[in-house]
Amino acid sequence: MRRTHGRLRPALAVAVAAALVFTSCTEGDERGGFRPGAADLADPYVPGAGNGGYDVDNYRLAVRYDPPTDRLTGRAVVTATATAPLSRFSLDLAGLDVSRVTVDGGPAGSARDGDELVVIPPDGLPRGTRFTVEVDYAGVPAVRADGQLGSGGFLHTDDGAIALGQPWSAAAWFPVNDHPADKATYDIEVTVPDGLAALSNGVPGERTRADGWTTWRWAERAPMASYLTTLVIGDYRVQTGTHAGRPMVTAVPASLPAAGPEAASLARTGEIADFLASRFGPYPFDSYGGVVVTDGRVGYALETQSRPVYGPGFFRGGRPNPGVVAHELAHQWFGNSVALSRWRDIWLNEGFASYAEWLWEEHDGGRTAQRTFELEYAATDWSRPVVDPGRSGLFGTAVYKRGALTVHALRRTVGDDTFFRILRTWTAERRGGNATTEDLIALAERVSGKSLRPFFDAWLVGGTAPALP
C-alpha cells in the first residue's frame, strides 16, 4: 500500500442436522474428539477476520459479474488441510447469499453468522485431512466505506467494478480465510460482458467467448494473502507482453490518454523491477504488471500480487510517477512474498517499500537515500512507534517514514555489504511465507554477527530520537 412432514429430502436432512450441530457446537458440546474451528484469528487489528482449524492450499474461483445489475454469481472451490480435528469450520463471506455447500463432493450443512459462513461437514475432519469445500453463492457484493484507507471491498463503477482494499476486501466477493497468515495459490476465472476487461492476479490464461460474454482466466501459483487478490473490470486498454521471460500485463482505462502519465509510469514497471531485484534478490513471481483506476474512492495504490493497482491521485500532477511504482513493486518482495503474520508488524511491508522509493529516486538521478534520511529524521515525531502502532495508526506516518528510517539506519550500522546481504537472505529464506519483526531481528543479528536488539528497540519503539549511526 502507498497510502426447509414426511421423510426429509437428503439435502434438507443435512441442513437440519447442520443447524443442530451448529447449535450444539456453539454450546460447547464436542463429540468424538472433534471441535469447531475458531471463527476469528484474534488479531486485534482486524477483529473477526480469519478462521482457525485449517490451512488453505488453493482457491479455484469462477465468478460472473453483470455491471448493469451489479450482481455477482460465483462458485468457489477451496482446497484445505485440517490443522485440528474439526466438527465445523468457518469461512469469511460478507453479504452474499449461499445456495449450496459441499465437502469432498457430498452435501454439507451451513449457517450464516454475520460475515461468517459456518460449514458443517457430515463427518468430522481429522487433523491432517486434506478436504475440498465447494460453495455456490450470488448477490450484490459489499462495499466497506469506513476503512482506514477509504472505500474498499467490491466497488461498483460506471463501466464495471473494482475489488480492492487493505486489510479487508476478499470476503466481499468470495468465501475465504481472510487473513494474511493463511496464504494460498489461486485460479481465477472471471466472466463479463463482451468488450470489458477482467483483470486479476498472476499469469493470464486462455480467454474464451460465448453468448455475449467473455471469460478471462488468471493463475497465481505463488502463495498469496487474501487481501492481495483483486478484480478490475471495465473498459481498459490492456497491454500484454513479456519481461525477463515472464508475462507482463498492464492496463489503463480507455478514457485516459494513451500517452498519459499513467501509461508512462506503468511502462517503467520492468525497469524498476529489475533495479529492485538487483538490491533485494530475484523477482519472486511468475508475472509482472499494473492497473490504473480512475475511481476517486480509491485514494491509494495497493500492491495486489504481481499486478499492483494505482488510484488516480498519484497522477494528478500530469507527470509520470515512477516513485509509486517503485513502492508497490517493492511490496512484491516485502509484504507479498514475505507476508505478515500479524498486522501489528505492517512496517515490515511499508517501511521497506518506502525505503525502496528512496533507493529508486537515487538510482534515477534524484536525491540520495542519505539526504532523504536526514530530512525525514529531522521531521519525525518519535513519540509514535513503528511496531504495534494501534489500529488507528495502521497506515500512519510512523509505519512508513519511521519504518524507512529504521531500514536506512540499519544500513549505516552494519555497512552496505552486510545490509544488502540481510535483505537478500530475508527474501530468500522467507520467500512464499510469513514473518514477524522478531524474525527480522534474529536474522539481522545472525547475518551481521552483531547484537542489534538495542538498535531496533530505539528505532522502532523508542520515544525519543535515537542517536544517528
Protein backbone atom coordinates (compact mmCIF):
# COMPACT_ATOMS: atom_id res chain seq x y z
CA MET A 1 0.00 0.00 0.00
CA ARG A 2 1.24 3.52 -0.64
CA ARG A 3 -1.21 5.35 1.22
CA THR A 4 -36.87 -26.43 4.80
CA HIS A 5 -43.72 -33.60 7.11
CA GLY A 6 -42.69 -36.84 5.92
CA ARG A 7 -39.35 -38.11 5.19
CA LEU A 8 -36.75 -35.42 4.85
CA ARG A 9 -35.07 -34.99 1.49
CA PRO A 10 -31.30 -35.63 1.71
CA ALA A 11 -30.27 -32.01 1.28
CA LEU A 12 -32.88 -30.86 3.80
CA ALA A 13 -31.83 -33.54 6.26
CA VAL A 14 -28.28 -32.28 6.01
CA ALA A 15 -29.44 -28.71 6.58
CA VAL A 16 -31.46 -29.64 9.66
CA ALA A 17 -28.61 -31.72 11.03
CA ALA A 18 -26.29 -28.84 10.32
CA ALA A 19 -28.41 -26.45 12.33
CA LEU A 20 -28.47 -28.90 15.23
CA VAL A 21 -24.75 -29.43 15.04
CA PHE A 22 -24.18 -25.71 14.80
CA THR A 23 -26.29 -25.13 17.92
CA SER A 24 -24.65 -27.93 19.89
CA CYS A 25 -21.18 -26.82 18.88
CA THR A 26 -21.84 -23.25 19.88
CA GLU A 27 -22.95 -24.58 23.27
CA GLY A 28 -19.66 -26.39 23.64
CA ASP A 29 -20.95 -29.94 23.01
CA GLU A 30 -17.95 -31.74 21.48
CA ARG A 31 -18.44 -35.22 20.01
CA GLY A 32 -15.91 -37.85 19.03
CA GLY A 33 -12.99 -35.60 19.82
CA PHE A 34 -13.89 -33.12 17.06
CA ARG A 35 -14.38 -29.45 17.79
CA PRO A 36 -15.30 -26.24 15.96
CA GLY A 37 -12.59 -24.26 14.27
CA ALA A 38 -12.17 -20.73 15.54
CA ALA A 39 -14.18 -18.09 13.68
CA ASP A 40 -11.60 -15.41 14.40
CA LEU A 41 -7.80 -15.48 14.39
CA ALA A 42 -7.80 -12.99 17.28
CA ASP A 43 -5.74 -10.39 15.50
CA PRO A 44 -6.85 -7.20 17.31
CA TYR A 45 -6.18 -5.07 14.24
CA VAL A 46 -8.82 -6.96 12.20
CA PRO A 47 -11.42 -8.31 14.64
CA GLY A 48 -13.45 -11.13 13.16
CA ALA A 49 -11.11 -11.71 10.27
CA GLY A 50 -9.57 -15.08 9.57
CA ASN A 51 -10.50 -18.52 10.84
CA GLY A 52 -8.77 -21.36 12.65
CA GLY A 53 -8.51 -25.13 12.34
CA TYR A 54 -7.43 -25.40 8.75
CA ASP A 55 -4.90 -24.15 6.25
CA VAL A 56 -5.97 -23.35 2.68
CA ASP A 57 -3.86 -24.70 -0.17
CA ASN A 58 -5.78 -23.32 -3.16
CA TYR A 59 -8.81 -21.29 -4.15
CA ARG A 60 -10.45 -22.03 -7.51
CA LEU A 61 -12.84 -19.19 -8.21
CA ALA A 62 -15.32 -18.88 -11.08
CA VAL A 63 -17.36 -15.68 -10.97
CA ARG A 64 -19.67 -13.88 -13.37
CA TYR A 65 -20.35 -10.19 -12.97
CA ASP A 66 -23.10 -8.18 -14.68
CA PRO A 67 -22.34 -4.46 -14.33
CA PRO A 68 -25.87 -3.13 -15.13
CA THR A 69 -27.35 -5.06 -12.19
CA ASP A 70 -24.20 -5.10 -10.02
CA ARG A 71 -24.88 -8.80 -9.49
CA LEU A 72 -22.14 -11.34 -8.99
CA THR A 73 -22.61 -15.12 -9.14
CA GLY A 74 -19.80 -17.42 -8.14
CA ARG A 75 -18.54 -20.85 -7.31
CA ALA A 76 -15.55 -21.22 -5.02
CA VAL A 77 -13.69 -24.47 -4.62
CA VAL A 78 -11.46 -24.28 -1.56
CA THR A 79 -8.86 -26.99 -1.00
CA ALA A 80 -7.50 -27.06 2.55
CA THR A 81 -5.89 -29.22 5.23
CA ALA A 82 -7.33 -29.59 8.73
CA THR A 83 -4.86 -28.44 11.37
CA ALA A 84 -7.18 -29.63 14.17
CA PRO A 85 -9.93 -32.31 14.42
CA LEU A 86 -12.88 -30.30 13.06
CA SER A 87 -16.60 -30.69 13.69
CA ARG A 88 -17.20 -27.48 11.76
CA PHE A 89 -15.24 -24.54 10.42
CA SER A 90 -15.85 -21.04 9.11
CA LEU A 91 -15.10 -19.01 6.01
CA ASP A 92 -15.31 -15.24 5.85
CA LEU A 93 -18.04 -14.06 3.45
CA ALA A 94 -19.76 -10.67 3.59
CA GLY A 95 -23.34 -10.20 2.42
CA LEU A 96 -23.63 -12.68 -0.43
CA ASP A 97 -26.27 -15.44 -0.45
CA VAL A 98 -25.12 -19.07 -0.35
CA SER A 99 -27.22 -21.65 -2.23
CA ARG A 100 -25.12 -24.82 -1.95
CA VAL A 101 -22.20 -26.13 0.09
CA THR A 102 -20.43 -29.46 -0.31
CA VAL A 103 -17.44 -31.02 1.42
CA ASP A 104 -15.47 -33.54 -0.63
CA GLY A 105 -18.34 -33.70 -3.11
CA GLY A 106 -21.06 -34.56 -0.57
CA PRO A 107 -23.78 -32.25 0.84
CA ALA A 108 -22.69 -30.27 3.85
CA GLY A 109 -24.60 -28.11 6.25
CA SER A 110 -24.08 -24.40 6.50
CA ALA A 111 -25.20 -21.45 8.56
CA ARG A 112 -24.57 -17.73 8.48
CA ASP A 113 -23.27 -15.86 11.49
CA GLY A 114 -22.71 -12.27 10.48
CA ASP A 115 -19.88 -12.21 7.99
CA GLU A 116 -19.05 -15.87 8.69
CA LEU A 117 -20.15 -18.85 6.60
CA VAL A 118 -20.17 -21.80 9.02
CA VAL A 119 -19.64 -25.13 7.22
CA ILE A 120 -20.66 -28.39 8.92
CA PRO A 121 -19.32 -31.49 7.16
CA PRO A 122 -21.40 -34.69 7.55
CA ASP A 123 -18.47 -36.29 9.37
CA GLY A 124 -15.70 -34.81 11.41
CA LEU A 125 -12.43 -33.97 9.71
CA PRO A 126 -9.41 -35.49 11.47
CA ARG A 127 -6.29 -33.43 11.87
CA GLY A 128 -4.13 -33.68 8.76
CA THR A 129 -7.06 -34.44 6.44
CA ARG A 130 -6.97 -32.70 3.09
CA PHE A 131 -10.50 -31.71 2.07
CA THR A 132 -12.35 -29.66 -0.55
CA VAL A 133 -15.21 -27.25 0.09
CA GLU A 134 -17.40 -26.06 -2.79
CA VAL A 135 -19.64 -23.03 -2.31
CA ASP A 136 -22.19 -21.59 -4.75
CA TYR A 137 -23.15 -18.02 -3.95
CA ALA A 138 -24.61 -14.86 -5.51
CA GLY A 139 -25.73 -11.33 -4.77
CA VAL A 140 -24.68 -7.71 -4.85
CA PRO A 141 -21.18 -7.54 -3.38
CA ALA A 142 -20.48 -5.39 -0.36
CA VAL A 143 -18.68 -2.09 -0.14
CA ARG A 144 -16.94 -1.10 3.06
CA ALA A 145 -16.78 2.68 3.16
CA ASP A 146 -15.33 3.07 6.65
CA GLY A 147 -11.89 1.61 6.16
CA GLN A 148 -8.83 3.49 7.27
CA LEU A 149 -7.86 3.98 3.65
CA GLY A 150 -11.39 4.85 2.49
CA SER A 151 -13.67 2.66 0.44
CA GLY A 152 -12.75 -0.98 -0.07
CA GLY A 153 -14.31 -4.33 -0.81
CA PHE A 154 -16.18 -4.54 -4.11
CA LEU A 155 -16.78 -1.17 -5.69
CA HIS A 156 -19.33 -0.87 -8.49
CA THR A 157 -18.14 1.61 -11.13
CA ASP A 158 -19.69 3.26 -14.17
CA ASP A 159 -18.31 0.59 -16.50
CA GLY A 160 -17.63 -2.38 -14.20
CA ALA A 161 -16.18 -2.92 -10.74
CA ILE A 162 -13.04 -2.87 -8.63
CA ALA A 163 -12.39 -5.46 -5.89
CA LEU A 164 -9.69 -3.93 -3.75
CA GLY A 165 -8.76 -2.94 -0.24
CA GLN A 166 -6.46 -3.41 2.73
CA PRO A 167 -6.73 -5.03 5.19
CA TRP A 168 -10.21 -6.15 4.01
CA SER A 169 -11.58 -6.87 0.53
CA ALA A 170 -11.57 -10.56 -0.43
CA ALA A 171 -14.60 -11.59 1.69
CA ALA A 172 -16.68 -9.16 -0.34
CA TRP A 173 -16.52 -11.39 -3.41
CA PHE A 174 -15.61 -14.96 -2.38
CA PRO A 175 -15.59 -17.20 0.74
CA VAL A 176 -12.11 -17.03 2.21
CA ASN A 177 -9.88 -17.39 5.23
CA ASP A 178 -9.34 -13.66 5.21
CA HIS A 179 -6.04 -13.11 6.99
CA PRO A 180 -2.51 -12.99 5.57
CA ALA A 181 -1.42 -15.72 7.98
CA ASP A 182 -3.14 -18.24 5.65
CA LYS A 183 -1.71 -17.76 2.17
CA ALA A 184 -2.77 -19.93 -0.76
CA THR A 185 -2.50 -20.29 -4.52
CA TYR A 186 -5.31 -19.11 -6.78
CA ASP A 187 -7.05 -19.99 -10.05
CA ILE A 188 -9.41 -17.18 -11.00
CA GLU A 189 -11.96 -17.24 -13.82
CA VAL A 190 -13.99 -14.08 -14.43
CA THR A 191 -16.85 -13.84 -16.93
CA VAL A 192 -18.00 -10.39 -18.01
CA PRO A 193 -19.94 -8.90 -20.92
CA ASP A 194 -18.06 -8.77 -24.21
CA GLY A 195 -16.00 -5.64 -24.61
CA LEU A 196 -14.98 -5.38 -20.97
CA ALA A 197 -11.66 -6.41 -19.49
CA ALA A 198 -11.48 -8.52 -16.32
CA LEU A 199 -8.03 -8.19 -14.77
CA SER A 200 -6.73 -10.15 -11.81
CA ASN A 201 -3.57 -11.63 -10.32
CA GLY A 202 -0.92 -13.83 -11.83
CA VAL A 203 -0.35 -15.39 -15.22
CA PRO A 204 -3.05 -14.83 -17.87
CA GLY A 205 -4.69 -17.94 -19.31
CA GLU A 206 -6.91 -18.71 -22.28
CA ARG A 207 -9.64 -16.17 -22.93
CA THR A 208 -12.95 -17.54 -24.34
CA ARG A 209 -16.22 -16.04 -25.61
CA ALA A 210 -19.81 -17.38 -25.66
CA ASP A 211 -23.27 -15.81 -25.94
CA GLY A 212 -22.10 -12.25 -25.45
CA TRP A 213 -19.81 -12.98 -22.52
CA THR A 214 -16.03 -13.24 -22.29
CA THR A 215 -14.21 -15.33 -19.70
CA TRP A 216 -10.78 -14.17 -18.54
CA ARG A 217 -8.54 -16.63 -16.70
CA TRP A 218 -5.67 -15.97 -14.30
CA ALA A 219 -3.43 -18.21 -12.17
CA GLU A 220 -1.24 -17.22 -9.23
CA ARG A 221 0.98 -20.17 -8.32
CA ALA A 222 2.91 -18.44 -5.54
CA PRO A 223 1.16 -18.31 -2.15
CA MET A 224 -0.86 -15.11 -1.85
CA ALA A 225 -2.51 -13.35 1.09
CA SER A 226 -6.24 -12.82 0.51
CA TYR A 227 -6.15 -9.01 0.67
CA LEU A 228 -3.72 -9.07 -2.26
CA THR A 229 -6.36 -10.51 -4.61
CA THR A 230 -8.05 -8.13 -7.00
CA LEU A 231 -10.60 -7.84 -9.78
CA VAL A 232 -10.65 -4.81 -12.03
CA ILE A 233 -13.49 -4.91 -14.56
CA GLY A 234 -14.21 -2.25 -17.14
CA ASP A 235 -13.26 -0.58 -20.40
CA TYR A 236 -9.46 -0.79 -20.38
CA ARG A 237 -6.62 -0.71 -22.85
CA VAL A 238 -4.76 -3.88 -21.93
CA GLN A 239 -1.13 -4.25 -22.94
CA THR A 240 0.20 -7.83 -22.88
CA GLY A 241 3.83 -8.70 -23.47
CA THR A 242 6.76 -10.28 -21.68
CA HIS A 243 9.59 -9.11 -19.48
CA ALA A 244 12.52 -11.28 -18.45
CA GLY A 245 10.67 -14.25 -19.96
CA ARG A 246 7.52 -13.71 -17.87
CA PRO A 247 4.13 -12.24 -18.83
CA MET A 248 3.76 -8.51 -18.39
CA VAL A 249 0.17 -7.25 -18.29
CA THR A 250 -0.62 -3.58 -17.76
CA ALA A 251 -3.92 -1.77 -18.17
CA VAL A 252 -5.09 1.83 -18.26
CA PRO A 253 -8.72 2.98 -18.59
CA ALA A 254 -9.66 3.68 -22.19
CA SER A 255 -10.85 7.10 -21.07
CA LEU A 256 -7.27 8.19 -20.33
CA PRO A 257 -4.77 9.37 -22.95
CA ALA A 258 -2.75 6.56 -24.48
CA ALA A 259 0.44 8.54 -23.84
CA GLY A 260 -0.58 9.99 -20.49
CA PRO A 261 1.40 9.90 -17.23
CA GLU A 262 -0.41 6.74 -16.11
CA ALA A 263 0.69 4.69 -19.11
CA ALA A 264 4.16 6.22 -18.98
CA SER A 265 4.54 5.21 -15.33
CA LEU A 266 3.40 1.62 -15.94
CA ALA A 267 5.77 1.41 -18.89
CA ARG A 268 8.69 1.55 -16.43
CA THR A 269 7.48 -1.49 -14.44
CA GLY A 270 10.06 -3.90 -15.87
CA GLU A 271 12.94 -1.47 -15.49
CA ILE A 272 12.06 -0.70 -11.87
CA ALA A 273 11.51 -4.37 -11.01
CA ASP A 274 14.94 -5.20 -12.41
CA PHE A 275 16.59 -2.49 -10.32
CA LEU A 276 14.86 -3.72 -7.15
CA ALA A 277 15.88 -7.30 -7.95
CA SER A 278 19.49 -6.14 -8.00
CA ARG A 279 19.05 -4.99 -4.40
CA PHE A 280 16.55 -7.47 -2.94
CA GLY A 281 17.19 -10.69 -4.85
CA PRO A 282 15.27 -12.40 -7.69
CA TYR A 283 11.77 -11.15 -8.50
CA PRO A 284 9.50 -13.60 -6.61
CA PHE A 285 6.56 -14.12 -9.00
CA ASP A 286 5.74 -15.51 -12.45
CA SER A 287 4.28 -12.33 -13.92
CA TYR A 288 4.54 -8.57 -13.84
CA GLY A 289 2.15 -5.72 -14.43
CA GLY A 290 -0.04 -2.97 -13.07
CA VAL A 291 -3.51 -1.45 -13.42
CA VAL A 292 -4.57 2.18 -13.16
CA VAL A 293 -8.11 3.02 -11.98
CA THR A 294 -9.92 6.35 -12.15
CA ASP A 295 -12.49 5.86 -9.36
CA GLY A 296 -11.90 8.59 -6.80
CA ARG A 297 -12.88 6.29 -3.93
CA VAL A 298 -9.56 4.54 -4.45
CA GLY A 299 -7.32 7.09 -2.82
CA TYR A 300 -4.36 4.77 -2.58
CA ALA A 301 -2.20 2.36 -4.52
CA LEU A 302 -2.20 -1.28 -3.47
CA GLU A 303 0.42 -3.96 -4.04
CA THR A 304 -2.05 -6.59 -5.31
CA GLN A 305 0.19 -9.55 -6.04
CA SER A 306 2.09 -9.38 -9.34
CA ARG A 307 -0.21 -6.62 -10.61
CA PRO A 308 -0.47 -3.53 -8.38
CA VAL A 309 -3.47 -1.22 -8.65
CA TYR A 310 -2.88 2.53 -8.71
CA GLY A 311 -5.54 5.07 -7.75
CA PRO A 312 -5.96 8.31 -9.72
CA GLY A 313 -4.42 10.64 -7.16
CA PHE A 314 -0.86 9.60 -7.98
CA PHE A 315 -1.04 11.09 -11.47
CA ARG A 316 -2.92 14.34 -10.93
CA GLY A 317 0.22 16.36 -11.49
CA GLY A 318 0.21 15.39 -15.15
CA ARG A 319 3.64 13.80 -14.92
CA PRO A 320 4.77 10.17 -14.66
CA ASN A 321 5.16 8.89 -11.11
CA PRO A 322 7.76 6.11 -11.06
CA GLY A 323 8.13 6.52 -7.30
CA VAL A 324 4.75 4.95 -6.55
CA VAL A 325 5.58 2.15 -8.98
CA ALA A 326 8.81 1.51 -7.08
CA HIS A 327 6.89 1.44 -3.78
CA GLU A 328 4.26 -1.07 -4.95
CA LEU A 329 6.79 -3.24 -6.77
CA ALA A 330 9.00 -3.37 -3.67
CA HIS A 331 6.00 -4.86 -1.87
CA GLN A 332 6.22 -7.88 -4.16
CA TRP A 333 9.21 -8.85 -2.02
CA PHE A 334 8.27 -7.11 1.25
CA GLY A 335 4.64 -7.84 2.12
CA ASN A 336 3.65 -10.20 -0.69
CA SER A 337 6.32 -12.88 -0.97
CA VAL A 338 7.33 -12.35 2.65
CA ALA A 339 3.96 -11.61 4.24
CA LEU A 340 2.76 -10.51 7.65
CA SER A 341 1.90 -12.98 10.38
CA ARG A 342 0.01 -10.26 12.29
CA TRP A 343 -0.97 -6.74 11.27
CA ARG A 344 0.95 -5.19 14.17
CA ASP A 345 4.09 -5.71 12.07
CA ILE A 346 2.88 -3.85 8.98
CA TRP A 347 6.06 -1.80 8.99
CA LEU A 348 7.79 -4.87 7.52
CA ASN A 349 5.73 -4.08 4.43
CA GLU A 350 5.60 -0.32 4.41
CA GLY A 351 8.96 0.61 5.88
CA PHE A 352 10.86 -1.41 3.29
CA ALA A 353 8.64 -0.28 0.41
CA SER A 354 9.09 3.34 1.43
CA TYR A 355 12.83 2.81 1.58
CA ALA A 356 12.70 1.34 -1.92
CA GLU A 357 11.35 4.70 -3.07
CA TRP A 358 14.48 6.33 -1.66
CA LEU A 359 16.70 3.83 -3.42
CA TRP A 360 14.90 4.28 -6.72
CA GLU A 361 15.00 8.08 -6.53
CA GLU A 362 18.76 8.00 -6.05
CA HIS A 363 19.21 5.48 -8.86
CA ASP A 364 17.02 7.60 -11.16
CA GLY A 365 19.22 10.67 -10.70
CA GLY A 366 17.40 12.32 -7.84
CA ARG A 367 18.10 12.93 -4.17
CA THR A 368 20.31 10.40 -2.41
CA ALA A 369 18.89 7.99 0.13
CA GLN A 370 21.17 9.52 2.74
CA ARG A 371 19.81 13.02 2.11
CA THR A 372 16.22 11.77 2.31
CA PHE A 373 17.12 10.03 5.56
CA GLU A 374 18.48 13.28 7.01
CA LEU A 375 15.38 15.26 6.05
CA GLU A 376 12.95 12.64 7.34
CA TYR A 377 14.89 12.18 10.58
CA ALA A 378 14.57 15.88 11.33
CA ALA A 379 10.80 15.87 10.61
CA THR A 380 9.86 12.70 12.53
CA ASP A 381 7.55 12.52 15.54
CA TRP A 382 9.44 9.98 17.64
CA SER A 383 6.55 9.51 20.08
CA ARG A 384 4.76 7.31 17.55
CA PRO A 385 6.03 3.69 17.45
CA VAL A 386 6.60 1.70 14.30
CA VAL A 387 5.75 -1.73 15.72
CA ASP A 388 2.21 -2.20 17.09
CA PRO A 389 1.10 1.33 16.14
CA GLY A 390 -2.55 0.72 17.07
CA ARG A 391 -5.46 0.27 14.69
CA SER A 392 -5.72 3.99 14.03
CA GLY A 393 -2.02 4.08 13.16
CA LEU A 394 -2.03 1.09 10.84
CA PHE A 395 -1.35 3.32 7.86
CA GLY A 396 0.19 6.16 9.77
CA THR A 397 3.33 8.14 9.02
CA ALA A 398 5.40 6.30 11.60
CA VAL A 399 4.83 2.96 9.87
CA TYR A 400 6.01 4.35 6.54
CA LYS A 401 8.53 7.06 7.32
CA ARG A 402 9.99 5.96 10.65
CA GLY A 403 9.97 2.44 9.26
CA ALA A 404 12.09 3.57 6.31
CA LEU A 405 14.39 5.49 8.67
CA THR A 406 14.96 2.27 10.61
CA VAL A 407 15.91 0.46 7.42
CA HIS A 408 18.46 3.08 6.42
CA ALA A 409 19.83 3.31 9.95
CA LEU A 410 20.36 -0.45 9.86
CA ARG A 411 22.31 0.02 6.64
CA ARG A 412 24.54 2.61 8.26
CA THR A 413 25.02 0.43 11.34
CA VAL A 414 26.08 -2.79 9.60
CA GLY A 415 27.52 -1.44 6.33
CA ASP A 416 26.31 -1.78 2.78
CA ASP A 417 27.57 -5.28 2.04
CA THR A 418 26.05 -6.77 5.19
CA PHE A 419 22.86 -4.74 4.85
CA PHE A 420 22.05 -5.95 1.35
CA ARG A 421 23.05 -9.48 2.36
CA ILE A 422 20.47 -9.24 5.17
CA LEU A 423 17.80 -8.15 2.70
CA ARG A 424 18.61 -10.85 0.15
CA THR A 425 18.78 -13.53 2.86
CA TRP A 426 15.41 -12.39 4.23
CA THR A 427 13.68 -12.52 0.84
CA ALA A 428 15.28 -15.89 0.01
CA GLU A 429 14.73 -17.71 3.30
CA ARG A 430 11.22 -16.34 3.88
CA ARG A 431 10.05 -16.49 0.26
CA GLY A 432 6.40 -17.54 -0.01
CA GLY A 433 5.92 -17.44 3.77
CA ASN A 434 5.14 -15.17 6.69
CA ALA A 435 7.26 -13.37 9.24
CA THR A 436 7.36 -11.09 12.26
CA THR A 437 9.57 -8.28 13.47
CA GLU A 438 11.24 -10.73 15.84
CA ASP A 439 12.12 -12.92 12.85
CA LEU A 440 13.78 -10.00 11.13
CA ILE A 441 15.78 -9.02 14.19
CA ALA A 442 17.03 -12.60 14.64
CA LEU A 443 18.06 -12.84 11.00
CA ALA A 444 19.81 -9.47 11.01
CA GLU A 445 21.80 -10.48 14.09
CA ARG A 446 22.73 -13.82 12.53
CA VAL A 447 23.88 -12.35 9.23
CA SER A 448 25.69 -9.36 10.74
CA GLY A 449 27.17 -11.12 13.77
CA LYS A 450 26.09 -8.11 15.84
CA SER A 451 23.74 -7.71 18.78
CA LEU A 452 21.03 -5.50 17.27
CA ARG A 453 18.20 -5.63 19.81
CA PRO A 454 19.06 -2.23 21.36
CA PHE A 455 19.26 -0.73 17.87
CA PHE A 456 15.83 -1.99 16.82
CA ASP A 457 14.27 -1.02 20.16
CA ALA A 458 15.50 2.55 19.75
CA TRP A 459 14.50 2.98 16.12
CA LEU A 460 11.19 1.08 16.17
CA VAL A 461 9.60 1.85 19.55
CA GLY A 462 11.74 4.33 21.46
CA GLY A 463 10.03 7.59 22.41
CA THR A 464 12.94 9.90 21.62
CA ALA A 465 15.13 10.46 18.59
CA PRO A 466 17.79 7.73 18.50
CA ALA A 467 21.42 8.65 18.03
CA LEU A 468 22.45 8.79 14.42
CA PRO A 469 24.64 5.87 13.37
